[in-house]
Amino acid sequence: MPSIEISVAGFAGLWAVTYAALLVLYFLPGLVMEWLARRHPERRIQARPSTHKGRDIRQSVVSLATIAVYVAGGLFAQQAGWTLFGTWAPSWWSIPLGILLTAIAYDTWFYWFHRLMHTRRFYRFHAQHHRAIAPSTWSCNNDTLVGCFFEQAYFLVAALLLPIPAIVLIGHKVFDQVTGMISHAGYEFFAGPSARSPWPGLCTTFHDQHHAHFRVNYGNTFSLWDRWMGTIHPAYDKKVAEFEEIAAAPAGERG
């Protein structure tokens, strides 16, 4: 990663670049998912329609500006040397190890903070996101400032506490943003054996069920915490298998 000027102007420039990149990672995957949805109506997960897409987009654009603060802040802190540990130099071992470390750490962070936001005390900060009972891809970042903090401040904290290279942190956020758009799409295109038991992966159906039922499927990257804590939707694996069958059926038999 190129050196960053350690100054207010340097941070402002990094924030602007980060925000612009997040906007691209919001609108480009969103447009692709909308195109796929029009071509494959049989992949719709819920019968109820998605609504308020304009509201979702407007708030997401605001929320992404806040998320850019956390991501840029983490990268800035690494460059300034304000981290607890020295950052690993990118190498054949540090990049895959860093990916594994940050994936596990973030999924744990997300699961428990997400559950916290569903408690009586904190749900008011998350209710805005759950207005979309049947989400669309544009619902991904429609959240309050507090909601963004609970879910996305990880990218600042991880940079301060974990020795992962900057390229891993950037790659993780790119992956998180794109998969977030997919998980809110309302259409299932990624069902497969790795997204259901005994594997720990997940697909769009996982988070769609969270929006429909509220008290299940809190995880982000893996289903492990939900399986261990008994919060996975009881019909999740069955639903994934059903979408596998739809995907495997000849085009004329789908619907």
C-alpha atoms as a PDB file:
ATOM      1  CA  MET A   1       0.000   0.000   0.000  1.00  0.00           C
ATOM      2  CA  PRO A   2       1.430   3.476  -0.900  1.00  0.00           C
ATOM      3  CA  SER A   3       2.531   5.672   1.987  1.00  0.00           C
ATOM      4  CA  ILE A   4      -0.059   8.051   3.375  1.00  0.00           C
ATOM      5  CA  GLU A   5       0.767  11.532   4.601  1.00  0.00           C
ATOM      6  CA  ILE A   6       0.202  11.425   8.373  1.00  0.00           C
ATOM      7  CA  SER A   7      -1.875  14.563   8.669  1.00  0.00           C
ATOM      8  CA  VAL A   8      -5.485  15.691   8.650  1.00  0.00           C
ATOM      9  CA  ALA A   9      -5.234  16.257   4.913  1.00  0.00           C
ATOM     10  CA  GLY A  10      -3.742  12.799   4.468  1.00  0.00           C
ATOM     11  CA  PHE A  11      -6.635  11.189   6.338  1.00  0.00           C
ATOM     12  CA  ALA A  12      -9.192  13.265   4.420  1.00  0.00           C
ATOM     13  CA  GLY A  13      -7.714  12.115   1.126  1.00  0.00           C
ATOM     14  CA  LEU A  14      -7.715   8.484   2.224  1.00  0.00           C
ATOM     15  CA  TRP A  15     -11.315   8.785   3.428  1.00  0.00           C
ATOM     16  CA  ALA A  16     -12.393  10.275   0.069  1.00  0.00           C
ATOM     17  CA  VAL A  17     -10.760   7.450  -1.891  1.00  0.00           C
ATOM     18  CA  THR A  18     -12.264   4.847   0.456  1.00  0.00           C
ATOM     19  CA  TYR A  19     -15.746   6.371   0.223  1.00  0.00           C
ATOM     20  CA  ALA A  20     -15.576   6.498  -3.583  1.00  0.00           C
ATOM     21  CA  ALA A  21     -14.522   2.845  -3.676  1.00  0.00           C
ATOM     22  CA  LEU A  22     -17.376   1.829  -1.349  1.00  0.00           C
ATOM     23  CA  LEU A  23     -19.887   3.655  -3.540  1.00  0.00           C
ATOM     24  CA  VAL A  24     -18.639   1.697  -6.560  1.00  0.00           C
ATOM     25  CA  LEU A  25     -18.884  -1.521  -4.525  1.00  0.00           C
ATOM     26  CA  TYR A  26     -22.460  -0.589  -3.608  1.00  0.00           C
ATOM     27  CA  PHE A  27     -23.857   0.420  -6.981  1.00  0.00           C
ATOM     28  CA  LEU A  28     -22.019  -1.986  -9.303  1.00  0.00           C
ATOM     29  CA  PRO A  29     -22.945  -5.247  -7.510  1.00  0.00           C
ATOM     30  CA  GLY A  30     -26.411  -3.808  -6.866  1.00  0.00           C
ATOM     31  CA  LEU A  31     -27.014  -3.243 -10.567  1.00  0.00           C
ATOM     32  CA  VAL A  32     -25.719  -6.729 -11.375  1.00  0.00           C
ATOM     33  CA  MET A  33     -28.044  -8.294  -8.791  1.00  0.00           C
ATOM     34  CA  GLU A  34     -31.013  -6.323 -10.138  1.00  0.00           C
ATOM     35  CA  TRP A  35     -30.228  -7.551 -13.658  1.00  0.00           C
ATOM     36  CA  LEU A  36     -30.004 -11.158 -12.468  1.00  0.00           C
ATOM     37  CA  ALA A  37     -33.281 -10.801 -10.559  1.00  0.00           C
ATOM     38  CA  ARG A  38     -35.126  -9.652 -13.686  1.00  0.00           C
ATOM     39  CA  ARG A  39     -33.770 -12.631 -15.625  1.00  0.00           C
ATOM     40  CA  HIS A  40     -34.550 -15.210 -12.931  1.00  0.00           C
ATOM     41  CA  PRO A  41     -37.815 -14.480 -11.116  1.00  0.00           C
ATOM     42  CA  GLU A  42     -37.959 -18.139 -10.047  1.00  0.00           C
ATOM     43  CA  ARG A  43     -35.060 -17.446  -7.654  1.00  0.00           C
ATOM     44  CA  ARG A  44     -37.174 -15.084  -5.526  1.00  0.00           C
ATOM     45  CA  ILE A  45     -36.912 -16.128  -1.852  1.00  0.00           C
ATOM     46  CA  GLN A  46     -39.981 -14.406  -0.351  1.00  0.00           C
ATOM     47  CA  ALA A  47     -43.363 -13.957  -1.996  1.00  0.00           C
ATOM     48  CA  ARG A  48     -43.759 -10.452  -0.559  1.00  0.00           C
ATOM     49  CA  PRO A  49     -42.200  -7.703  -2.690  1.00  0.00           C
ATOM     50  CA  SER A  50     -39.253  -5.526  -1.722  1.00  0.00           C
ATOM     51  CA  THR A  51     -40.242  -1.900  -1.151  1.00  0.00           C
ATOM     52  CA  HIS A  52     -38.677   1.506  -0.451  1.00  0.00           C
ATOM     53  CA  LYS A  53     -35.607   0.978  -2.615  1.00  0.00           C
ATOM     54  CA  GLY A  54     -35.154   4.724  -3.025  1.00  0.00           C
ATOM     55  CA  ARG A  55     -35.084   5.199   0.753  1.00  0.00           C
ATOM     56  CA  ASP A  56     -32.622   2.339   1.112  1.00  0.00           C
ATOM     57  CA  ILE A  57     -30.268   3.871  -1.445  1.00  0.00           C
ATOM     58  CA  ARG A  58     -30.382   7.362   0.075  1.00  0.00           C
ATOM     59  CA  GLN A  59     -29.572   6.131   3.578  1.00  0.00           C
ATOM     60  CA  SER A  60     -26.957   3.667   2.346  1.00  0.00           C
ATOM     61  CA  VAL A  61     -25.059   6.473   0.619  1.00  0.00           C
ATOM     62  CA  VAL A  62     -24.966   8.315   3.962  1.00  0.00           C
ATOM     63  CA  SER A  63     -24.002   5.197   5.933  1.00  0.00           C
ATOM     64  CA  LEU A  64     -21.172   4.358   3.561  1.00  0.00           C
ATOM     65  CA  ALA A  65     -19.597   7.719   4.349  1.00  0.00           C
ATOM     66  CA  THR A  66     -19.454   6.628   7.997  1.00  0.00           C
ATOM     67  CA  ILE A  67     -18.153   3.163   7.136  1.00  0.00           C
ATOM     68  CA  ALA A  68     -15.402   4.821   5.091  1.00  0.00           C
ATOM     69  CA  VAL A  69     -14.258   6.559   8.299  1.00  0.00           C
ATOM     70  CA  TYR A  70     -13.688   3.182   9.998  1.00  0.00           C
ATOM     71  CA  VAL A  71     -11.910   1.582   7.031  1.00  0.00           C
ATOM     72  CA  ALA A  72      -9.778   4.645   6.274  1.00  0.00           C
ATOM     73  CA  GLY A  73      -9.115   5.091   9.985  1.00  0.00           C
ATOM     74  CA  GLY A  74      -7.775   1.561  10.257  1.00  0.00           C
ATOM     75  CA  LEU A  75      -5.479   1.955   7.256  1.00  0.00           C
ATOM     76  CA  PHE A  76      -4.337   5.365   8.489  1.00  0.00           C
ATOM     77  CA  ALA A  77      -3.554   3.971  11.947  1.00  0.00           C
ATOM     78  CA  GLN A  78      -1.457   1.201  10.437  1.00  0.00           C
ATOM     79  CA  GLN A  79       0.524   3.665   8.360  1.00  0.00           C
ATOM     80  CA  ALA A  80       1.064   5.887  11.406  1.00  0.00           C
ATOM     81  CA  GLY A  81       2.229   2.952  13.519  1.00  0.00           C
ATOM     82  CA  TRP A  82      -0.541   3.348  16.083  1.00  0.00           C
ATOM     83  CA  THR A  83      -1.232  -0.385  16.271  1.00  0.00           C
ATOM     84  CA  LEU A  84      -0.836  -2.732  19.219  1.00  0.00           C
ATOM     85  CA  PHE A  85       1.421  -5.083  17.248  1.00  0.00           C
ATOM     86  CA  GLY A  86       3.675  -4.629  14.288  1.00  0.00           C
ATOM     87  CA  THR A  87       1.876  -5.357  11.036  1.00  0.00           C
ATOM     88  CA  TRP A  88       2.952  -8.452   9.113  1.00  0.00           C
ATOM     89  CA  ALA A  89       4.612  -7.721   5.806  1.00  0.00           C
ATOM     90  CA  PRO A  90       2.629  -9.198   2.890  1.00  0.00           C
ATOM     91  CA  SER A  91       3.995 -12.650   2.042  1.00  0.00           C
ATOM     92  CA  TRP A  92       2.978 -16.148   0.970  1.00  0.00           C
ATOM     93  CA  TRP A  93       2.093 -17.002   4.566  1.00  0.00           C
ATOM     94  CA  SER A  94       0.902 -13.706   6.084  1.00  0.00           C
ATOM     95  CA  ILE A  95      -1.820 -13.029   3.523  1.00  0.00           C
ATOM     96  CA  PRO A  96      -3.670 -16.406   3.809  1.00  0.00           C
ATOM     97  CA  LEU A  97      -3.165 -16.463   7.569  1.00  0.00           C
ATOM     98  CA  GLY A  98      -4.421 -12.892   7.817  1.00  0.00           C
ATOM     99  CA  ILE A  99      -7.481 -13.756   5.712  1.00  0.00           C
ATOM    100  CA  LEU A 100      -8.333 -16.681   8.000  1.00  0.00           C
ATOM    101  CA  LEU A 101      -7.739 -14.616  11.138  1.00  0.00           C
ATOM    102  CA  THR A 102      -9.842 -11.632  10.082  1.00  0.00           C
ATOM    103  CA  ALA A 103     -12.651 -13.824   8.686  1.00  0.00           C
ATOM    104  CA  ILE A 104     -13.038 -15.680  11.979  1.00  0.00           C
ATOM    105  CA  ALA A 105     -12.644 -12.531  14.077  1.00  0.00           C
ATOM    106  CA  TYR A 106     -15.196 -10.551  12.062  1.00  0.00           C
ATOM    107  CA  ASP A 107     -17.771 -13.301  12.030  1.00  0.00           C
ATOM    108  CA  THR A 108     -17.502 -13.497  15.829  1.00  0.00           C
ATOM    109  CA  TRP A 109     -17.700  -9.696  16.145  1.00  0.00           C
ATOM    110  CA  PHE A 110     -20.675  -9.501  13.809  1.00  0.00           C
ATOM    111  CA  TYR A 111     -22.651 -12.330  15.402  1.00  0.00           C
ATOM    112  CA  TRP A 112     -22.469 -11.009  18.959  1.00  0.00           C
ATOM    113  CA  PHE A 113     -22.921  -7.315  18.177  1.00  0.00           C
ATOM    114  CA  HIS A 114     -25.762  -8.195  15.816  1.00  0.00           C
ATOM    115  CA  ARG A 115     -27.478 -10.151  18.582  1.00  0.00           C
ATOM    116  CA  LEU A 116     -26.904  -7.193  20.917  1.00  0.00           C
ATOM    117  CA  MET A 117     -28.724  -4.924  18.472  1.00  0.00           C
ATOM    118  CA  HIS A 118     -31.709  -7.264  18.626  1.00  0.00           C
ATOM    119  CA  THR A 119     -32.084  -6.812  22.383  1.00  0.00           C
ATOM    120  CA  ARG A 120     -34.772  -4.514  23.760  1.00  0.00           C
ATOM    121  CA  ARG A 121     -32.243  -1.855  24.789  1.00  0.00           C
ATOM    122  CA  PHE A 122     -30.511  -1.536  21.409  1.00  0.00           C
ATOM    123  CA  TYR A 123     -33.063  -2.588  18.795  1.00  0.00           C
ATOM    124  CA  ARG A 124     -34.149   1.013  18.227  1.00  0.00           C
ATOM    125  CA  PHE A 125     -30.758   1.570  16.571  1.00  0.00           C
ATOM    126  CA  HIS A 126     -31.300  -1.381  14.226  1.00  0.00           C
ATOM    127  CA  ALA A 127     -35.022  -1.104  13.505  1.00  0.00           C
ATOM    128  CA  GLN A 128     -34.419   1.128  10.489  1.00  0.00           C
ATOM    129  CA  HIS A 129     -32.546  -1.669   8.743  1.00  0.00           C
ATOM    130  CA  HIS A 130     -35.347  -4.116   9.492  1.00  0.00           C
ATOM    131  CA  ARG A 131     -38.054  -2.043   7.863  1.00  0.00           C
ATOM    132  CA  ALA A 132     -37.114  -4.151   4.856  1.00  0.00           C
ATOM    133  CA  ILE A 133     -38.810  -7.426   5.822  1.00  0.00           C
ATOM    134  CA  ALA A 134     -38.226  -8.592   2.263  1.00  0.00           C
ATOM    135  CA  PRO A 135     -34.895  -6.908   1.552  1.00  0.00           C
ATOM    136  CA  SER A 136     -33.499  -5.869  -1.786  1.00  0.00           C
ATOM    137  CA  THR A 137     -29.832  -5.600  -2.640  1.00  0.00           C
ATOM    138  CA  TRP A 138     -30.101  -1.845  -1.948  1.00  0.00           C
ATOM    139  CA  SER A 139     -31.043  -2.526   1.700  1.00  0.00           C
ATOM    140  CA  CYS A 140     -27.502  -3.596   2.503  1.00  0.00           C
ATOM    141  CA  ASN A 141     -26.219  -0.390   4.129  1.00  0.00           C
ATOM    142  CA  ASN A 142     -29.482   1.223   5.188  1.00  0.00           C
ATOM    143  CA  ASP A 143     -28.660   1.593   8.868  1.00  0.00           C
ATOM    144  CA  THR A 144     -28.262   4.183  11.602  1.00  0.00           C
ATOM    145  CA  LEU A 145     -24.930   5.605  12.741  1.00  0.00           C
ATOM    146  CA  VAL A 146     -25.044   3.375  15.823  1.00  0.00           C
ATOM    147  CA  GLY A 147     -25.910   0.345  13.716  1.00  0.00           C
ATOM    148  CA  CYS A 148     -22.977   1.078  11.406  1.00  0.00           C
ATOM    149  CA  PHE A 149     -20.694   1.402  14.417  1.00  0.00           C
ATOM    150  CA  PHE A 150     -21.715  -1.941  15.911  1.00  0.00           C
ATOM    151  CA  GLU A 151     -21.230  -3.816  12.650  1.00  0.00           C
ATOM    152  CA  GLN A 152     -18.498  -1.907  10.814  1.00  0.00           C
ATOM    153  CA  ALA A 153     -16.169  -0.417  13.436  1.00  0.00           C
ATOM    154  CA  TYR A 154     -14.484  -3.814  13.281  1.00  0.00           C
ATOM    155  CA  PHE A 155     -12.380  -2.559  10.380  1.00  0.00           C
ATOM    156  CA  LEU A 156     -10.893   0.122  12.608  1.00  0.00           C
ATOM    157  CA  VAL A 157     -10.475  -2.102  15.660  1.00  0.00           C
ATOM    158  CA  ALA A 158      -8.977  -4.972  13.645  1.00  0.00           C
ATOM    159  CA  ALA A 159      -6.339  -2.671  12.176  1.00  0.00           C
ATOM    160  CA  LEU A 160      -5.393  -1.534  15.677  1.00  0.00           C
ATOM    161  CA  LEU A 161      -5.341  -4.958  17.344  1.00  0.00           C
ATOM    162  CA  LEU A 162      -4.523  -7.541  14.658  1.00  0.00           C
ATOM    163  CA  PRO A 163      -1.187  -7.706  12.808  1.00  0.00           C
ATOM    164  CA  ILE A 164      -2.838  -8.286   9.428  1.00  0.00           C
ATOM    165  CA  PRO A 165      -1.341  -6.580   6.347  1.00  0.00           C
ATOM    166  CA  ALA A 166      -3.238  -3.602   4.913  1.00  0.00           C
ATOM    167  CA  ILE A 167      -3.924  -5.541   1.701  1.00  0.00           C
ATOM    168  CA  VAL A 168      -5.803  -8.148   3.755  1.00  0.00           C
ATOM    169  CA  LEU A 169      -7.895  -5.487   5.485  1.00  0.00           C
ATOM    170  CA  ILE A 170      -8.753  -3.900   2.128  1.00  0.00           C
ATOM    171  CA  GLY A 171      -9.562  -7.249   0.541  1.00  0.00           C
ATOM    172  CA  HIS A 172     -11.748  -8.206   3.483  1.00  0.00           C
ATOM    173  CA  LYS A 173     -13.785  -5.012   3.205  1.00  0.00           C
ATOM    174  CA  VAL A 174     -14.226  -5.484  -0.548  1.00  0.00           C
ATOM    175  CA  PHE A 175     -15.438  -9.042   0.078  1.00  0.00           C
ATOM    176  CA  ASP A 176     -17.726  -7.904   2.914  1.00  0.00           C
ATOM    177  CA  GLN A 177     -19.329  -5.170   0.825  1.00  0.00           C
ATOM    178  CA  VAL A 178     -19.954  -7.349  -2.224  1.00  0.00           C
ATOM    179  CA  THR A 179     -21.296 -10.297  -0.216  1.00  0.00           C
ATOM    180  CA  GLY A 180     -23.438  -7.878   1.788  1.00  0.00           C
ATOM    181  CA  MET A 181     -25.098  -6.752  -1.428  1.00  0.00           C
ATOM    182  CA  ILE A 182     -25.633 -10.385  -2.395  1.00  0.00           C
ATOM    183  CA  SER A 183     -27.005 -11.403   1.008  1.00  0.00           C
ATOM    184  CA  HIS A 184     -29.708  -8.718   0.813  1.00  0.00           C
ATOM    185  CA  ALA A 185     -30.638  -9.375  -2.813  1.00  0.00           C
ATOM    186  CA  GLY A 186     -33.855 -11.296  -2.121  1.00  0.00           C
ATOM    187  CA  TYR A 187     -32.979 -13.786  -4.867  1.00  0.00           C
ATOM    188  CA  GLU A 188     -30.959 -16.960  -4.397  1.00  0.00           C
ATOM    189  CA  PHE A 189     -28.146 -17.509  -6.906  1.00  0.00           C
ATOM    190  CA  PHE A 190     -25.496 -19.063  -4.676  1.00  0.00           C
ATOM    191  CA  ALA A 191     -27.146 -22.074  -3.037  1.00  0.00           C
ATOM    192  CA  GLY A 192     -24.861 -25.083  -2.914  1.00  0.00           C
ATOM    193  CA  PRO A 193     -23.609 -27.860  -0.637  1.00  0.00           C
ATOM    194  CA  SER A 194     -21.002 -25.562   0.975  1.00  0.00           C
ATOM    195  CA  ALA A 195     -23.824 -23.247   2.139  1.00  0.00           C
ATOM    196  CA  ARG A 196     -25.541 -25.896   4.276  1.00  0.00           C
ATOM    197  CA  SER A 197     -24.745 -28.530   6.880  1.00  0.00           C
ATOM    198  CA  PRO A 198     -22.203 -29.973   7.449  1.00  0.00           C
ATOM    199  CA  TRP A 199     -20.330 -27.046   5.892  1.00  0.00           C
ATOM    200  CA  PRO A 200     -20.066 -23.636   7.610  1.00  0.00           C
ATOM    201  CA  GLY A 201     -20.793 -21.459   4.568  1.00  0.00           C
ATOM    202  CA  LEU A 202     -23.990 -19.595   3.835  1.00  0.00           C
ATOM    203  CA  CYS A 203     -25.880 -17.981   0.964  1.00  0.00           C
ATOM    204  CA  THR A 204     -28.489 -15.272   0.377  1.00  0.00           C
ATOM    205  CA  THR A 205     -31.275 -17.335   1.948  1.00  0.00           C
ATOM    206  CA  PHE A 206     -29.487 -17.161   5.303  1.00  0.00           C
ATOM    207  CA  HIS A 207     -29.764 -13.389   5.743  1.00  0.00           C
ATOM    208  CA  ASP A 208     -33.107 -13.212   3.954  1.00  0.00           C
ATOM    209  CA  GLN A 209     -34.547 -15.464   6.671  1.00  0.00           C
ATOM    210  CA  HIS A 210     -33.072 -13.112   9.258  1.00  0.00           C
ATOM    211  CA  HIS A 211     -35.059 -10.210   7.785  1.00  0.00           C
ATOM    212  CA  ALA A 212     -38.228 -12.302   7.569  1.00  0.00           C
ATOM    213  CA  HIS A 213     -38.028 -13.799  11.079  1.00  0.00           C
ATOM    214  CA  PHE A 214     -35.777 -11.344  13.038  1.00  0.00           C
ATOM    215  CA  ARG A 215     -34.562 -13.744  15.767  1.00  0.00           C
ATOM    216  CA  VAL A 216     -32.541 -16.166  13.649  1.00  0.00           C
ATOM    217  CA  ASN A 217     -29.422 -16.244  11.455  1.00  0.00           C
ATOM    218  CA  TYR A 218     -27.325 -13.486  13.008  1.00  0.00           C
ATOM    219  CA  GLY A 219     -24.019 -14.508  11.403  1.00  0.00           C
ATOM    220  CA  ASN A 220     -22.261 -12.819   8.520  1.00  0.00           C
ATOM    221  CA  THR A 221     -19.624 -15.018   6.903  1.00  0.00           C
ATOM    222  CA  PHE A 222     -20.279 -18.426   8.440  1.00  0.00           C
ATOM    223  CA  SER A 223     -23.229 -20.207  10.022  1.00  0.00           C
ATOM    224  CA  LEU A 224     -21.131 -21.678  12.836  1.00  0.00           C
ATOM    225  CA  TRP A 225     -22.107 -19.320  15.669  1.00  0.00           C
ATOM    226  CA  ASP A 226     -25.792 -19.680  14.812  1.00  0.00           C
ATOM    227  CA  ARG A 227     -25.496 -23.465  14.779  1.00  0.00           C
ATOM    228  CA  TRP A 228     -23.576 -23.524  18.063  1.00  0.00           C
ATOM    229  CA  MET A 229     -25.946 -21.093  19.805  1.00  0.00           C
ATOM    230  CA  GLY A 230     -29.172 -22.583  18.415  1.00  0.00           C
ATOM    231  CA  THR A 231     -30.187 -19.442  16.526  1.00  0.00           C
ATOM    232  CA  ILE A 232     -30.161 -20.856  13.000  1.00  0.00           C
ATOM    233  CA  HIS A 233     -33.548 -21.022  11.259  1.00  0.00           C
ATOM    234  CA  PRO A 234     -34.735 -24.656  11.463  1.00  0.00           C
ATOM    235  CA  ALA A 235     -35.633 -24.734   7.764  1.00  0.00           C
ATOM    236  CA  TYR A 236     -32.452 -23.067   6.495  1.00  0.00           C
ATOM    237  CA  ASP A 237     -30.634 -26.155   5.225  1.00  0.00           C
ATOM    238  CA  LYS A 238     -33.817 -27.495   3.631  1.00  0.00           C
ATOM    239  CA  LYS A 239     -34.444 -24.195   1.850  1.00  0.00           C
ATOM    240  CA  VAL A 240     -30.911 -24.138   0.474  1.00  0.00           C
ATOM    241  CA  ALA A 241     -31.382 -27.677  -0.870  1.00  0.00           C
ATOM    242  CA  GLU A 242     -34.623 -26.586  -2.564  1.00  0.00           C
ATOM    243  CA  PHE A 243     -32.828 -23.756  -4.365  1.00  0.00           C
ATOM    244  CA  GLU A 244     -30.126 -26.192  -5.448  1.00  0.00           C
ATOM    245  CA  GLU A 245     -32.861 -28.219  -7.142  1.00  0.00           C
ATOM    246  CA  ILE A 246     -34.256 -25.126  -8.831  1.00  0.00           C
ATOM    247  CA  ALA A 247     -30.808 -24.237 -10.144  1.00  0.00           C
ATOM    248  CA  ALA A 248     -30.274 -27.775 -11.420  1.00  0.00           C
ATOM    249  CA  ALA A 249     -33.655 -28.039 -13.183  1.00  0.00           C
ATOM    250  CA  PRO A 250     -33.820 -27.500 -16.974  1.00  0.00           C
ATOM    251  CA  ALA A 251     -34.816 -23.938 -17.881  1.00  0.00           C
ATOM    252  CA  GLY A 252     -38.270 -24.969 -19.088  1.00  0.00           C
ATOM    253  CA  GLU A 253     -39.098 -26.675 -15.780  1.00  0.00           C
ATOM    254  CA  ARG A 254     -38.177 -23.788 -13.456  1.00  0.00           C
ATOM    255  CA  GLY A 255     -40.812 -21.646 -11.801  1.00  0.00           C
END
